[in-house]
Amino acid sequence: APGQIVLVVPINPETFRTKYNIPAATAIYGPATASLRNEGEQ
């Protein structure tokens, strides 16, 4: 939707939602199959 924010996470989306108390209105997708690299990347 216009202005909508979504999250992409490396774990099960509902586990992420519960762990970080994310409101039900925020869409969460995952799990991503690769991690963000600490040393940076594109």
All heavy atoms as atom14 arrays in JSON, in Angstrom:
{
  "sequence": "APGQIVLVVPINPETFRTKYNIPAATAIYGPATASLRNEGEQ",
  "atom14_mask": [
    [1, 1, 1, 1, 1, 0, 0, 0, 0, 0, 0, 0, 0, 0],
    [1, 1, 1, 1, 1, 1, 1, 0, 0, 0, 0, 0, 0, 0],
    [1, 1, 1, 1, 0, 0, 0, 0, 0, 0, 0, 0, 0, 0],
    [1, 1, 1, 1, 1, 1, 1, 1, 1, 0, 0, 0, 0, 0],
    [1, 1, 1, 1, 1, 1, 1, 1, 0, 0, 0, 0, 0, 0],
    [1, 1, 1, 1, 1, 1, 1, 0, 0, 0, 0, 0, 0, 0],
    [1, 1, 1, 1, 1, 1, 1, 1, 0, 0, 0, 0, 0, 0],
    [1, 1, 1, 1, 1, 1, 1, 0, 0, 0, 0, 0, 0, 0],
    [1, 1, 1, 1, 1, 1, 1, 0, 0, 0, 0, 0, 0, 0],
    [1, 1, 1, 1, 1, 1, 1, 0, 0, 0, 0, 0, 0, 0],
    [1, 1, 1, 1, 1, 1, 1, 1, 0, 0, 0, 0, 0, 0],
    [1, 1, 1, 1, 1, 1, 1, 1, 0, 0, 0, 0, 0, 0],
    [1, 1, 1, 1, 1, 1, 1, 0, 0, 0, 0, 0, 0, 0],
    [1, 1, 1, 1, 1, 1, 1, 1, 1, 0, 0, 0, 0, 0],
    [1, 1, 1, 1, 1, 1, 1, 0, 0, 0, 0, 0, 0, 0],
    [1, 1, 1, 1, 1, 1, 1, 1, 1, 1, 1, 0, 0, 0],
    [1, 1, 1, 1, 1, 1, 1, 1, 1, 1, 1, 0, 0, 0],
    [1, 1, 1, 1, 1, 1, 1, 0, 0, 0, 0, 0, 0, 0],
    [1, 1, 1, 1, 1, 1, 1, 1, 1, 0, 0, 0, 0, 0],
    [1, 1, 1, 1, 1, 1, 1, 1, 1, 1, 1, 1, 0, 0],
    [1, 1, 1, 1, 1, 1, 1, 1, 0, 0, 0, 0, 0, 0],
    [1, 1, 1, 1, 1, 1, 1, 1, 0, 0, 0, 0, 0, 0],
    [1, 1, 1, 1, 1, 1, 1, 0, 0, 0, 0, 0, 0, 0],
    [1, 1, 1, 1, 1, 0, 0, 0, 0, 0, 0, 0, 0, 0],
    [1, 1, 1, 1, 1, 0, 0, 0, 0, 0, 0, 0, 0, 0],
    [1, 1, 1, 1, 1, 1, 1, 0, 0, 0, 0, 0, 0, 0],
    [1, 1, 1, 1, 1, 0, 0, 0, 0, 0, 0, 0, 0, 0],
    [1, 1, 1, 1, 1, 1, 1, 1, 0, 0, 0, 0, 0, 0],
    [1, 1, 1, 1, 1, 1, 1, 1, 1, 1, 1, 1, 0, 0],
    [1, 1, 1, 1, 0, 0, 0, 0, 0, 0, 0, 0, 0, 0],
    [1, 1, 1, 1, 1, 1, 1, 0, 0, 0, 0, 0, 0, 0],
    [1, 1, 1, 1, 1, 0, 0, 0, 0, 0, 0, 0, 0, 0],
    [1, 1, 1, 1, 1, 1, 1, 0, 0, 0, 0, 0, 0, 0],
    [1, 1, 1, 1, 1, 0, 0, 0, 0, 0, 0, 0, 0, 0],
    [1, 1, 1, 1, 1, 1, 0, 0, 0, 0, 0, 0, 0, 0],
    [1, 1, 1, 1, 1, 1, 1, 1, 0, 0, 0, 0, 0, 0],
    [1, 1, 1, 1, 1, 1, 1, 1, 1, 1, 1, 0, 0, 0],
    [1, 1, 1, 1, 1, 1, 1, 1, 0, 0, 0, 0, 0, 0],
    [1, 1, 1, 1, 1, 1, 1, 1, 1, 0, 0, 0, 0, 0],
    [1, 1, 1, 1, 0, 0, 0, 0, 0, 0, 0, 0, 0, 0],
    [1, 1, 1, 1, 1, 1, 1, 1, 1, 0, 0, 0, 0, 0],
    [1, 1, 1, 1, 1, 1, 1, 1, 1, 0, 0, 0, 0, 0]
  ],
  "atom14_positions": [
    [[0.85, -1.19, 0.0], [0.0, 0.0, 0.0], [0.88, 1.24, 0.0], [2.06, 1.18, 0.38], [-0.9, -0.01, 1.24], [0.0, 0.0, 0.0], [0.0, 0.0, 0.0], [0.0, 0.0, 0.0], [0.0, 0.0, 0.0], [0.0, 0.0, 0.0], [0.0, 0.0, 0.0], [0.0, 0.0, 0.0], [0.0, 0.0, 0.0], [0.0, 0.0, 0.0]],
    [[0.36, 2.4, -0.4], [1.15, 3.63, -0.34], [1.7, 3.86, 1.08], [0.97, 3.75, 2.06], [0.14, 4.72, -0.72], [-0.88, 4.0, -1.54], [-0.97, 2.62, -0.94], [0.0, 0.0, 0.0], [0.0, 0.0, 0.0], [0.0, 0.0, 0.0], [0.0, 0.0, 0.0], [0.0, 0.0, 0.0], [0.0, 0.0, 0.0], [0.0, 0.0, 0.0]],
    [[2.99, 4.12, 1.17], [3.63, 4.37, 2.45], [3.91, 3.14, 3.29], [4.53, 3.24, 4.35], [0.0, 0.0, 0.0], [0.0, 0.0, 0.0], [0.0, 0.0, 0.0], [0.0, 0.0, 0.0], [0.0, 0.0, 0.0], [0.0, 0.0, 0.0], [0.0, 0.0, 0.0], [0.0, 0.0, 0.0], [0.0, 0.0, 0.0], [0.0, 0.0, 0.0]],
    [[3.48, 1.98, 2.85], [3.65, 0.76, 3.65], [5.11, 0.38, 3.81], [5.9, 0.49, 2.88], [2.87, -0.41, 3.05], [2.95, -1.67, 3.89], [2.14, -2.83, 3.32], [1.5, -2.72, 2.28], [2.18, -3.95, 4.01], [0.0, 0.0, 0.0], [0.0, 0.0, 0.0], [0.0, 0.0, 0.0], [0.0, 0.0, 0.0], [0.0, 0.0, 0.0]],
    [[5.43, -0.1, 5.0], [6.75, -0.61, 5.34], [6.63, -2.11, 5.54], [5.68, -2.59, 6.15], [7.28, 0.04, 6.64], [7.53, 1.53, 6.43], [8.53, -0.65, 7.14], [7.84, 2.27, 7.71], [0.0, 0.0, 0.0], [0.0, 0.0, 0.0], [0.0, 0.0, 0.0], [0.0, 0.0, 0.0], [0.0, 0.0, 0.0], [0.0, 0.0, 0.0]],
    [[7.61, -2.87, 5.03], [7.69, -4.31, 5.28], [9.1, -4.66, 5.71], [10.06, -3.96, 5.37], [7.27, -5.15, 4.05], [5.83, -4.87, 3.65], [8.21, -4.93, 2.89], [0.0, 0.0, 0.0], [0.0, 0.0, 0.0], [0.0, 0.0, 0.0], [0.0, 0.0, 0.0], [0.0, 0.0, 0.0], [0.0, 0.0, 0.0], [0.0, 0.0, 0.0]],
    [[9.21, -5.74, 6.45], [10.51, -6.24, 6.88], [10.81, -7.56, 6.2], [9.9, -8.38, 6.01], [10.53, -6.46, 8.4], [10.3, -5.24, 9.28], [10.21, -5.66, 10.74], [11.4, -4.22, 9.08], [0.0, 0.0, 0.0], [0.0, 0.0, 0.0], [0.0, 0.0, 0.0], [0.0, 0.0, 0.0], [0.0, 0.0, 0.0], [0.0, 0.0, 0.0]],
    [[12.08, -7.78, 5.89], [12.56, -9.08, 5.42], [13.58, -9.53, 6.45], [14.52, -8.78, 6.78], [13.2, -8.99, 4.01], [13.74, -10.35, 3.58], [12.19, -8.47, 3.0], [0.0, 0.0, 0.0], [0.0, 0.0, 0.0], [0.0, 0.0, 0.0], [0.0, 0.0, 0.0], [0.0, 0.0, 0.0], [0.0, 0.0, 0.0], [0.0, 0.0, 0.0]],
    [[13.39, -10.74, 6.99], [14.18, -11.22, 8.12], [14.78, -12.59, 7.82], [14.3, -13.31, 6.94], [13.32, -11.26, 9.4], [12.78, -9.86, 9.72], [12.17, -12.25, 9.29], [0.0, 0.0, 0.0], [0.0, 0.0, 0.0], [0.0, 0.0, 0.0], [0.0, 0.0, 0.0], [0.0, 0.0, 0.0], [0.0, 0.0, 0.0], [0.0, 0.0, 0.0]],
    [[15.81, -12.98, 8.59], [16.48, -14.27, 8.34], [15.87, -15.46, 9.07], [16.37, -16.57, 8.96], [17.9, -14.0, 8.84], [17.69, -13.07, 9.98], [16.55, -12.18, 9.55], [0.0, 0.0, 0.0], [0.0, 0.0, 0.0], [0.0, 0.0, 0.0], [0.0, 0.0, 0.0], [0.0, 0.0, 0.0], [0.0, 0.0, 0.0], [0.0, 0.0, 0.0]],
    [[14.81, -15.22, 9.85], [14.18, -16.3, 10.62], [12.7, -16.34, 10.28], [12.21, -15.5, 9.52], [14.39, -16.11, 12.15], [13.71, -14.83, 12.65], [15.87, -16.12, 12.5], [13.74, -14.65, 14.16], [0.0, 0.0, 0.0], [0.0, 0.0, 0.0], [0.0, 0.0, 0.0], [0.0, 0.0, 0.0], [0.0, 0.0, 0.0], [0.0, 0.0, 0.0]],
    [[11.99, -17.27, 10.86], [10.55, -17.35, 10.66], [9.92, -16.01, 11.02], [10.18, -15.47, 12.11], [9.99, -18.47, 11.55], [8.48, -18.55, 11.48], [7.78, -17.71, 12.05], [7.99, -19.55, 10.78], [0.0, 0.0, 0.0], [0.0, 0.0, 0.0], [0.0, 0.0, 0.0], [0.0, 0.0, 0.0], [0.0, 0.0, 0.0], [0.0, 0.0, 0.0]],
    [[9.09, -15.43, 10.14], [8.51, -14.11, 10.41], [7.72, -14.02, 11.72], [7.82, -13.01, 12.42], [7.61, -13.87, 9.19], [8.26, -14.65, 8.1], [8.78, -15.88, 8.77], [0.0, 0.0, 0.0], [0.0, 0.0, 0.0], [0.0, 0.0, 0.0], [0.0, 0.0, 0.0], [0.0, 0.0, 0.0], [0.0, 0.0, 0.0], [0.0, 0.0, 0.0]],
    [[6.96, -15.04, 12.06], [6.19, -14.97, 13.3], [7.08, -15.05, 14.53], [6.8, -14.44, 15.56], [5.09, -16.03, 13.32], [3.95, -15.7, 12.36], [3.43, -14.26, 12.49], [3.11, -13.81, 13.61], [3.33, -13.57, 11.45], [0.0, 0.0, 0.0], [0.0, 0.0, 0.0], [0.0, 0.0, 0.0], [0.0, 0.0, 0.0], [0.0, 0.0, 0.0]],
    [[8.17, -15.8, 14.43], [9.15, -15.84, 15.52], [9.77, -14.45, 15.7], [9.92, -13.97, 16.83], [10.25, -16.89, 15.23], [9.62, -18.17, 15.06], [11.27, -16.95, 16.34], [0.0, 0.0, 0.0], [0.0, 0.0, 0.0], [0.0, 0.0, 0.0], [0.0, 0.0, 0.0], [0.0, 0.0, 0.0], [0.0, 0.0, 0.0], [0.0, 0.0, 0.0]],
    [[10.11, -13.79, 14.59], [10.67, -12.44, 14.64], [9.67, -11.48, 15.27], [10.01, -10.67, 16.13], [11.05, -11.98, 13.23], [11.84, -10.71, 13.17], [13.23, -10.73, 13.19], [11.2, -9.47, 13.08], [13.96, -9.56, 13.13], [11.93, -8.3, 13.02], [13.31, -8.34, 13.04], [0.0, 0.0, 0.0], [0.0, 0.0, 0.0], [0.0, 0.0, 0.0]],
    [[8.41, -11.57, 14.83], [7.36, -10.68, 15.33], [7.23, -10.81, 16.85], [7.18, -9.82, 17.57], [6.02, -11.01, 14.66], [4.87, -10.12, 15.12], [3.54, -10.49, 14.46], [3.6, -10.61, 13.03], [3.65, -9.59, 12.17], [3.66, -8.34, 12.62], [3.69, -9.8, 10.87], [0.0, 0.0, 0.0], [0.0, 0.0, 0.0], [0.0, 0.0, 0.0]],
    [[7.2, -12.04, 17.34], [7.06, -12.29, 18.78], [8.3, -11.82, 19.54], [8.19, -11.15, 20.57], [6.81, -13.79, 19.03], [5.6, -14.16, 18.34], [6.67, -14.08, 20.5], [0.0, 0.0, 0.0], [0.0, 0.0, 0.0], [0.0, 0.0, 0.0], [0.0, 0.0, 0.0], [0.0, 0.0, 0.0], [0.0, 0.0, 0.0], [0.0, 0.0, 0.0]],
    [[9.48, -12.16, 19.02], [10.74, -11.83, 19.7], [10.92, -10.33, 19.88], [11.43, -9.88, 20.9], [11.91, -12.43, 18.9], [13.26, -12.29, 19.56], [14.32, -13.06, 18.75], [15.69, -12.95, 19.38], [16.7, -13.69, 18.61], [0.0, 0.0, 0.0], [0.0, 0.0, 0.0], [0.0, 0.0, 0.0], [0.0, 0.0, 0.0], [0.0, 0.0, 0.0]],
    [[10.5, -9.54, 18.88], [10.73, -8.09, 18.92], [9.45, -7.28, 19.1], [9.47, -6.06, 18.96], [11.48, -7.66, 17.65], [12.82, -8.34, 17.56], [13.0, -9.42, 16.69], [13.87, -7.98, 18.38], [14.21, -10.08, 16.63], [15.08, -8.63, 18.32], [15.25, -9.7, 17.44], [16.44, -10.35, 17.39], [0.0, 0.0, 0.0], [0.0, 0.0, 0.0]],
    [[8.34, -7.95, 19.39], [7.06, -7.29, 19.66], [6.65, -6.36, 18.51], [6.3, -5.19, 18.73], [7.13, -6.53, 21.0], [5.75, -6.2, 21.51], [4.78, -6.92, 21.23], [5.65, -5.11, 22.25], [0.0, 0.0, 0.0], [0.0, 0.0, 0.0], [0.0, 0.0, 0.0], [0.0, 0.0, 0.0], [0.0, 0.0, 0.0], [0.0, 0.0, 0.0]],
    [[6.7, -6.88, 17.29], [6.34, -6.12, 16.09], [4.82, -6.15, 15.95], [4.22, -7.23, 15.99], [7.01, -6.71, 14.83], [8.52, -6.85, 15.01], [6.65, -5.9, 13.59], [9.28, -5.57, 15.15], [0.0, 0.0, 0.0], [0.0, 0.0, 0.0], [0.0, 0.0, 0.0], [0.0, 0.0, 0.0], [0.0, 0.0, 0.0], [0.0, 0.0, 0.0]],
    [[4.17, -5.01, 15.75], [2.71, -4.99, 15.61], [2.23, -5.85, 14.44], [2.91, -5.97, 13.42], [2.39, -3.52, 15.35], [3.6, -2.76, 15.77], [4.76, -3.68, 15.65], [0.0, 0.0, 0.0], [0.0, 0.0, 0.0], [0.0, 0.0, 0.0], [0.0, 0.0, 0.0], [0.0, 0.0, 0.0], [0.0, 0.0, 0.0], [0.0, 0.0, 0.0]],
    [[1.05, -6.41, 14.59], [0.47, -7.27, 13.56], [0.29, -6.55, 12.23], [0.3, -7.18, 11.17], [-0.86, -7.84, 14.04], [0.0, 0.0, 0.0], [0.0, 0.0, 0.0], [0.0, 0.0, 0.0], [0.0, 0.0, 0.0], [0.0, 0.0, 0.0], [0.0, 0.0, 0.0], [0.0, 0.0, 0.0], [0.0, 0.0, 0.0], [0.0, 0.0, 0.0]],
    [[0.14, -5.23, 12.26], [-0.06, -4.45, 11.04], [1.2, -4.39, 10.16], [1.11, -4.07, 8.98], [-0.51, -3.04, 11.39], [0.0, 0.0, 0.0], [0.0, 0.0, 0.0], [0.0, 0.0, 0.0], [0.0, 0.0, 0.0], [0.0, 0.0, 0.0], [0.0, 0.0, 0.0], [0.0, 0.0, 0.0], [0.0, 0.0, 0.0], [0.0, 0.0, 0.0]],
    [[2.36, -4.67, 10.73], [3.62, -4.64, 9.96], [3.83, -6.0, 9.31], [3.92, -7.02, 10.0], [4.82, -4.31, 10.87], [4.59, -3.04, 11.47], [6.11, -4.28, 10.08], [0.0, 0.0, 0.0], [0.0, 0.0, 0.0], [0.0, 0.0, 0.0], [0.0, 0.0, 0.0], [0.0, 0.0, 0.0], [0.0, 0.0, 0.0], [0.0, 0.0, 0.0]],
    [[3.9, -6.01, 7.99], [4.15, -7.26, 7.25], [5.61, -7.65, 7.4], [6.51, -6.81, 7.29], [3.79, -7.09, 5.78], [0.0, 0.0, 0.0], [0.0, 0.0, 0.0], [0.0, 0.0, 0.0], [0.0, 0.0, 0.0], [0.0, 0.0, 0.0], [0.0, 0.0, 0.0], [0.0, 0.0, 0.0], [0.0, 0.0, 0.0], [0.0, 0.0, 0.0]],
    [[5.84, -8.93, 7.68], [7.2, -9.47, 7.82], [7.31, -10.67, 6.89], [6.44, -11.54, 6.89], [7.5, -9.89, 9.27], [7.26, -8.72, 10.23], [8.93, -10.4, 9.39], [7.42, -9.09, 11.7], [0.0, 0.0, 0.0], [0.0, 0.0, 0.0], [0.0, 0.0, 0.0], [0.0, 0.0, 0.0], [0.0, 0.0, 0.0], [0.0, 0.0, 0.0]],
    [[8.4, -10.73, 6.12], [8.63, -11.83, 5.18], [9.97, -12.48, 5.49], [10.91, -11.83, 5.95], [8.61, -11.32, 3.74], [7.26, -10.78, 3.35], [6.98, -9.43, 3.46], [6.26, -11.64, 2.92], [5.73, -8.94, 3.13], [5.0, -11.16, 2.59], [4.75, -9.82, 2.7], [3.5, -9.33, 2.38], [0.0, 0.0, 0.0], [0.0, 0.0, 0.0]],
    [[10.07, -13.74, 5.18], [11.3, -14.47, 5.37], [11.0, -15.96, 5.41], [9.86, -16.37, 5.17], [0.0, 0.0, 0.0], [0.0, 0.0, 0.0], [0.0, 0.0, 0.0], [0.0, 0.0, 0.0], [0.0, 0.0, 0.0], [0.0, 0.0, 0.0], [0.0, 0.0, 0.0], [0.0, 0.0, 0.0], [0.0, 0.0, 0.0], [0.0, 0.0, 0.0]],
    [[11.97, -16.74, 5.71], [13.33, -16.3, 6.01], [14.17, -16.07, 4.76], [14.02, -16.77, 3.77], [13.9, -17.46, 6.83], [13.13, -18.67, 6.39], [11.78, -18.17, 5.98], [0.0, 0.0, 0.0], [0.0, 0.0, 0.0], [0.0, 0.0, 0.0], [0.0, 0.0, 0.0], [0.0, 0.0, 0.0], [0.0, 0.0, 0.0], [0.0, 0.0, 0.0]],
    [[15.03, -15.06, 4.84], [16.04, -14.85, 3.8], [17.05, -15.98, 3.92], [17.25, -16.52, 5.01], [16.71, -13.49, 3.98], [0.0, 0.0, 0.0], [0.0, 0.0, 0.0], [0.0, 0.0, 0.0], [0.0, 0.0, 0.0], [0.0, 0.0, 0.0], [0.0, 0.0, 0.0], [0.0, 0.0, 0.0], [0.0, 0.0, 0.0], [0.0, 0.0, 0.0]],
    [[17.68, -16.34, 2.83], [18.6, -17.48, 2.86], [20.06, -17.09, 3.06], [20.89, -17.96, 3.26], [18.48, -18.31, 1.57], [18.81, -17.48, 0.45], [17.07, -18.87, 1.41], [0.0, 0.0, 0.0], [0.0, 0.0, 0.0], [0.0, 0.0, 0.0], [0.0, 0.0, 0.0], [0.0, 0.0, 0.0], [0.0, 0.0, 0.0], [0.0, 0.0, 0.0]],
    [[20.36, -15.8, 3.04], [21.74, -15.35, 3.24], [21.75, -14.24, 4.28], [20.76, -13.53, 4.46], [22.35, -14.86, 1.93], [0.0, 0.0, 0.0], [0.0, 0.0, 0.0], [0.0, 0.0, 0.0], [0.0, 0.0, 0.0], [0.0, 0.0, 0.0], [0.0, 0.0, 0.0], [0.0, 0.0, 0.0], [0.0, 0.0, 0.0], [0.0, 0.0, 0.0]],
    [[22.86, -14.08, 4.94], [23.01, -13.05, 5.96], [23.62, -11.79, 5.38], [24.36, -11.84, 4.39], [23.92, -13.56, 7.08], [23.34, -14.66, 7.72], [0.0, 0.0, 0.0], [0.0, 0.0, 0.0], [0.0, 0.0, 0.0], [0.0, 0.0, 0.0], [0.0, 0.0, 0.0], [0.0, 0.0, 0.0], [0.0, 0.0, 0.0], [0.0, 0.0, 0.0]],
    [[23.32, -10.67, 6.02], [24.0, -9.42, 5.69], [25.42, -9.53, 6.23], [25.63, -9.96, 7.37], [23.27, -8.24, 6.33], [21.86, -7.97, 5.8], [21.12, -7.02, 6.73], [21.93, -7.41, 4.4], [0.0, 0.0, 0.0], [0.0, 0.0, 0.0], [0.0, 0.0, 0.0], [0.0, 0.0, 0.0], [0.0, 0.0, 0.0], [0.0, 0.0, 0.0]],
    [[26.39, -9.13, 5.45], [27.79, -9.27, 5.88], [28.2, -8.09, 6.74], [27.96, -6.93, 6.38], [28.68, -9.42, 4.66], [28.37, -10.7, 3.9], [29.41, -11.07, 2.88], [29.86, -9.93, 2.11], [30.13, -9.95, 0.82], [30.0, -11.06, 0.16], [30.53, -8.89, 0.2], [0.0, 0.0, 0.0], [0.0, 0.0, 0.0], [0.0, 0.0, 0.0]],
    [[28.84, -8.38, 7.85], [29.29, -7.34, 8.78], [30.32, -6.42, 8.14], [30.4, -5.24, 8.5], [29.88, -7.97, 10.04], [28.85, -8.73, 10.84], [27.66, -8.59, 10.63], [29.31, -9.54, 11.77], [0.0, 0.0, 0.0], [0.0, 0.0, 0.0], [0.0, 0.0, 0.0], [0.0, 0.0, 0.0], [0.0, 0.0, 0.0], [0.0, 0.0, 0.0]],
    [[31.1, -6.92, 7.21], [32.13, -6.09, 6.57], [31.57, -5.22, 5.45], [32.3, -4.46, 4.83], [33.28, -6.96, 6.06], [32.9, -7.91, 4.96], [32.38, -9.27, 5.44], [32.1, -9.45, 6.65], [32.23, -10.16, 4.58], [0.0, 0.0, 0.0], [0.0, 0.0, 0.0], [0.0, 0.0, 0.0], [0.0, 0.0, 0.0], [0.0, 0.0, 0.0]],
    [[30.25, -5.32, 5.19], [29.61, -4.52, 4.16], [29.41, -5.31, 2.89], [30.08, -6.31, 2.65], [0.0, 0.0, 0.0], [0.0, 0.0, 0.0], [0.0, 0.0, 0.0], [0.0, 0.0, 0.0], [0.0, 0.0, 0.0], [0.0, 0.0, 0.0], [0.0, 0.0, 0.0], [0.0, 0.0, 0.0], [0.0, 0.0, 0.0], [0.0, 0.0, 0.0]],
    [[28.46, -4.87, 2.1], [28.15, -5.49, 0.82], [27.1, -4.66, 0.09], [26.58, -3.69, 0.64], [27.65, -6.92, 1.0], [26.27, -7.01, 1.63], [25.8, -8.44, 1.81], [25.78, -9.19, 0.81], [25.45, -8.8, 2.94], [0.0, 0.0, 0.0], [0.0, 0.0, 0.0], [0.0, 0.0, 0.0], [0.0, 0.0, 0.0], [0.0, 0.0, 0.0]],
    [[26.78, -5.09, -1.1], [25.73, -4.43, -1.88], [24.44, -5.22, -1.74], [24.41, -6.42, -1.94], [26.14, -4.36, -3.35], [25.08, -3.69, -4.22], [25.56, -3.52, -5.64], [26.43, -2.7, -5.89], [25.01, -4.29, -6.56], [0.0, 0.0, 0.0], [0.0, 0.0, 0.0], [0.0, 0.0, 0.0], [0.0, 0.0, 0.0], [0.0, 0.0, 0.0]]
  ]
}
